[in-house]
Protein backbone atom coordinates (compact mmCIF):
# COMPACT_ATOMS: atom_id res chain seq x y z
CA MET A 1 -30.04 68.27 22.01
CA ARG A 2 -31.33 71.63 23.01
CA ASN A 3 -31.38 72.61 19.38
CA VAL A 4 -33.63 69.67 18.66
CA LEU A 5 -36.05 70.76 21.38
CA THR A 6 -36.13 74.35 20.15
CA LEU A 7 -36.71 73.27 16.58
CA SER A 8 -39.47 70.89 17.65
CA LEU A 9 -41.21 73.64 19.67
CA LEU A 10 -40.93 76.03 16.80
CA ALA A 11 -42.38 73.49 14.39
CA LEU A 12 -45.35 72.87 16.66
CA THR A 13 -46.12 76.50 17.17
CA SER A 14 -45.57 77.80 13.69
CA ALA A 15 -48.28 76.78 11.27
CA THR A 16 -50.71 74.48 12.95
CA PRO A 17 -54.39 74.70 12.03
CA ALA A 18 -55.28 75.62 15.61
CA PHE A 19 -53.20 78.77 15.46
CA ALA A 20 -54.65 79.62 12.10
CA ALA A 21 -58.19 79.39 13.50
CA GLY A 22 -57.18 81.62 16.35
CA GLY A 23 -57.16 78.96 19.05
CA GLY A 24 -53.68 79.70 20.41
CA PHE A 25 -52.14 77.95 23.40
CA THR A 26 -55.07 76.54 25.26
CA MET A 27 -55.49 73.15 26.82
CA ALA A 28 -58.65 72.67 24.83
CA ASN A 29 -56.55 72.56 21.70
CA THR A 30 -55.77 68.86 21.29
CA ASN A 31 -52.96 69.47 18.86
CA PHE A 32 -51.22 71.61 21.42
CA VAL A 33 -51.66 68.99 24.17
CA VAL A 34 -50.37 66.19 21.94
CA GLY A 35 -47.42 68.30 20.86
CA LEU A 36 -46.67 69.25 24.43
CA GLY A 37 -46.89 65.56 25.53
CA PHE A 38 -44.60 64.59 22.68
CA LEU A 39 -42.05 67.21 23.65
CA LEU A 40 -42.26 66.14 27.27
CA PHE A 41 -41.74 62.51 26.25
CA ILE A 42 -38.70 63.43 24.12
CA GLY A 43 -37.35 65.54 27.01
CA ILE A 44 -37.66 62.64 29.45
CA LEU A 45 -35.93 60.32 26.94
CA LEU A 46 -33.10 62.81 26.56
CA TYR A 47 -32.86 63.39 30.31
CA VAL A 48 -32.60 59.68 31.05
CA LYS A 49 -30.06 59.45 28.19
CA VAL A 50 -31.98 56.77 26.30
CA PRO A 51 -30.32 57.66 22.99
CA GLY A 52 -26.91 57.12 24.62
CA LEU A 53 -28.09 53.80 26.05
CA LEU A 54 -29.46 52.76 22.66
CA GLY A 55 -26.22 53.87 21.02
CA GLY A 56 -24.22 51.92 23.63
CA GLN A 57 -26.32 48.81 23.05
CA LEU A 58 -25.94 49.21 19.31
CA ASP A 59 -22.20 49.73 19.74
CA ALA A 60 -22.00 46.65 21.99
CA ARG A 61 -24.00 44.69 19.44
CA ALA A 62 -21.70 45.95 16.66
CA GLU A 63 -18.64 44.95 18.71
CA GLY A 64 -20.16 41.51 19.33
CA ILE A 65 -20.83 41.10 15.63
CA GLN A 66 -17.29 42.28 14.84
CA LYS A 67 -15.87 39.75 17.33
CA GLU A 68 -17.96 36.99 15.76
CA LEU A 69 -16.73 38.03 12.31
CA ASP A 70 -13.12 38.03 13.55
CA GLU A 71 -13.62 34.60 15.12
CA ALA A 72 -15.21 33.37 11.90
CA ARG A 73 -12.22 34.69 9.89
CA ALA A 74 -9.81 33.05 12.34
CA LEU A 75 -11.72 29.78 12.12
CA ARG A 76 -11.77 30.01 8.33
CA ASP A 77 -8.00 30.65 8.27
CA GLU A 78 -7.43 27.76 10.66
CA ALA A 79 -9.67 25.51 8.55
CA GLN A 80 -7.75 26.48 5.41
CA THR A 81 -4.47 25.75 7.17
CA ILE A 82 -5.75 22.37 8.36
CA LEU A 83 -7.11 21.62 4.87
CA ALA A 84 -3.75 22.48 3.30
CA SER A 85 -2.00 20.30 5.89
CA TYR A 86 -4.32 17.37 5.16
CA GLU A 87 -3.86 17.84 1.43
CA ARG A 88 -0.07 17.75 1.89
CA LYS A 89 -0.38 14.66 4.08
CA GLN A 90 -2.68 13.05 1.52
CA GLN A 91 -0.16 13.77 -1.24
CA GLU A 92 2.65 12.36 0.92
CA VAL A 93 0.59 9.24 1.68
CA GLN A 94 -0.26 8.87 -2.02
CA ALA A 95 3.42 9.19 -2.94
CA GLN A 96 4.32 6.65 -0.27
CA ALA A 97 1.61 4.29 -1.53
CA ASP A 98 2.95 4.68 -5.08
CA ARG A 99 6.46 3.87 -3.83
CA ILE A 100 5.16 0.81 -1.96
CA VAL A 101 3.30 -0.42 -5.05
CA ALA A 102 6.38 0.12 -7.24
CA SER A 103 8.56 -1.70 -4.70
CA ALA A 104 6.05 -4.57 -4.50
CA ARG A 105 6.04 -4.84 -8.29
CA GLU A 106 9.83 -4.91 -8.37
CA ASP A 107 9.91 -7.52 -5.59
CA ALA A 108 7.30 -9.62 -7.41
CA ALA A 109 9.26 -9.39 -10.67
CA ALA A 110 12.47 -10.37 -8.86
CA ALA A 111 10.70 -13.26 -7.12
CA ALA A 112 9.26 -14.41 -10.44
CA ASP A 113 12.71 -14.27 -12.06
CA GLU A 114 14.20 -16.17 -9.13
CA ALA A 115 11.44 -18.78 -9.26
CA LYS A 116 11.95 -19.12 -13.01
CA ALA A 117 15.71 -19.62 -12.54
CA GLU A 118 15.09 -22.18 -9.77
CA LEU A 119 12.57 -23.99 -11.98
CA GLU A 120 15.07 -24.07 -14.84
CA GLN A 121 17.75 -25.45 -12.49
CA SER A 122 15.31 -28.05 -11.14
CA ILE A 123 14.35 -29.08 -14.67
CA ALA A 124 18.04 -29.30 -15.63
CA ARG A 125 18.78 -31.45 -12.55
CA ARG A 126 15.83 -33.75 -13.24
CA LEU A 127 16.82 -33.98 -16.90
CA ALA A 128 20.40 -34.86 -15.93
CA ALA A 129 19.13 -37.44 -13.42
CA ALA A 130 16.84 -38.92 -16.09
CA GLN A 131 19.73 -39.07 -18.57
CA GLU A 132 21.89 -40.76 -15.94
CA GLN A 133 19.11 -43.27 -15.26
CA ILE A 134 18.74 -43.89 -19.00
CA ALA A 135 22.53 -44.34 -19.39
CA SER A 136 22.59 -46.67 -16.37
CA ALA A 137 19.65 -48.65 -17.77
CA GLU A 138 21.38 -48.83 -21.15
CA ALA A 139 24.64 -50.00 -19.53
CA SER A 140 22.74 -52.54 -17.46
CA ALA A 141 20.88 -53.79 -20.53
CA VAL A 142 24.10 -53.99 -22.55
CA LYS A 143 25.84 -55.86 -19.68
CA GLU A 144 22.91 -58.24 -19.36
CA VAL A 145 22.85 -58.88 -23.10
CA ARG A 146 26.63 -59.35 -23.09
CA ASP A 147 26.43 -61.72 -20.12
CA GLN A 148 23.73 -63.75 -21.84
CA ALA A 149 25.75 -63.76 -25.06
CA ILE A 150 28.82 -64.97 -23.15
CA THR A 151 26.78 -67.63 -21.38
CA ILE A 152 25.29 -68.79 -24.67
CA ALA A 153 28.69 -68.69 -26.40
CA VAL A 154 30.33 -70.66 -23.58
CA ALA A 155 27.55 -73.23 -23.67
CA ALA A 156 27.77 -73.47 -27.45
CA ALA A 157 31.58 -73.70 -27.32
CA ASP A 158 31.31 -76.36 -24.62
CA GLN A 159 28.97 -78.38 -26.78
CA VAL A 160 31.17 -77.96 -29.85
CA ILE A 161 34.35 -78.81 -27.95
CA ALA A 162 32.68 -81.77 -26.24
CA LYS A 163 31.61 -83.20 -29.56
CA GLN A 164 34.96 -82.66 -31.25
CA MET A 165 37.34 -83.45 -28.41
CA THR A 166 38.59 -86.86 -27.45
CA ALA A 167 39.56 -87.99 -23.96
CA THR A 168 43.30 -87.58 -24.61
CA GLU A 169 42.85 -84.05 -25.82
CA ALA A 170 40.67 -83.31 -22.79
CA ASN A 171 43.40 -84.58 -20.45
CA LYS A 172 45.99 -82.44 -22.23
CA LEU A 173 43.79 -79.39 -21.84
CA ILE A 174 43.26 -80.12 -18.13
CA ASP A 175 47.04 -80.48 -17.59
CA ALA A 176 47.68 -77.25 -19.49
CA ALA A 177 45.06 -75.42 -17.38
CA ILE A 178 46.62 -76.73 -14.14
CA THR A 179 50.04 -75.54 -15.27
CA ASP A 180 48.66 -72.12 -16.17
CA VAL A 181 47.01 -71.82 -12.78
CA ASN A 182 50.19 -72.87 -10.99
CA ASP A 183 52.26 -70.40 -12.99
CA THR A 184 49.85 -67.66 -12.38
CA MET A 185 49.45 -68.29 -8.67
CA PHE A 186 52.88 -69.36 -7.62
CA GLY A 187 54.95 -67.93 -10.40
CA GLU A 188 58.02 -69.47 -11.81
CA LYS A 189 59.21 -71.11 -8.56
CA ILE A 190 57.23 -74.33 -8.95
CA ALA A 191 58.27 -74.73 -12.55
CA HIS A 192 61.95 -74.57 -11.55
CA GLY A 193 61.44 -76.87 -8.61
CA THR A 194 62.17 -74.39 -5.79
CA PRO A 195 59.81 -74.48 -2.87
């Protein structure tokens, strides 16, 4: 610092126009007074250690900026970590969603196959029931036709027999029918006379 003061004093005193005109160091020389005031001002600043205070404030400001930069880097690193974590979670959720969709498709396909099989079984049962109903209706119709045919045949035979048969033949037939009934119901015992 003293070197700075010496150099400043030398610069002021060396080649100023006042010295060239022969004015020297007088208080009437304004250049000398301004130079002296400037040197005094610089001396007071150095005495009070203003450059050190300014340097300290600049250093404190630089440290504050460095801390902010470090915090910003830490926040950026944390944000990148969180982003990577969310991207992993999103991929896991997407994979899980894909598995759920695939499982749902498989379940739907299985349910459709099961429903199709049940429908086929239901159709087969209904078809079998319809065939049974048709067979029963056919059997009923055949029985009804047969019964009517028998009734008509018996009536026709009755009329034919009634026209062709005489009273003696009718009595013989009645006796033969009574004997057949007795033989059938009571067996041979009545025919042989055993009670």
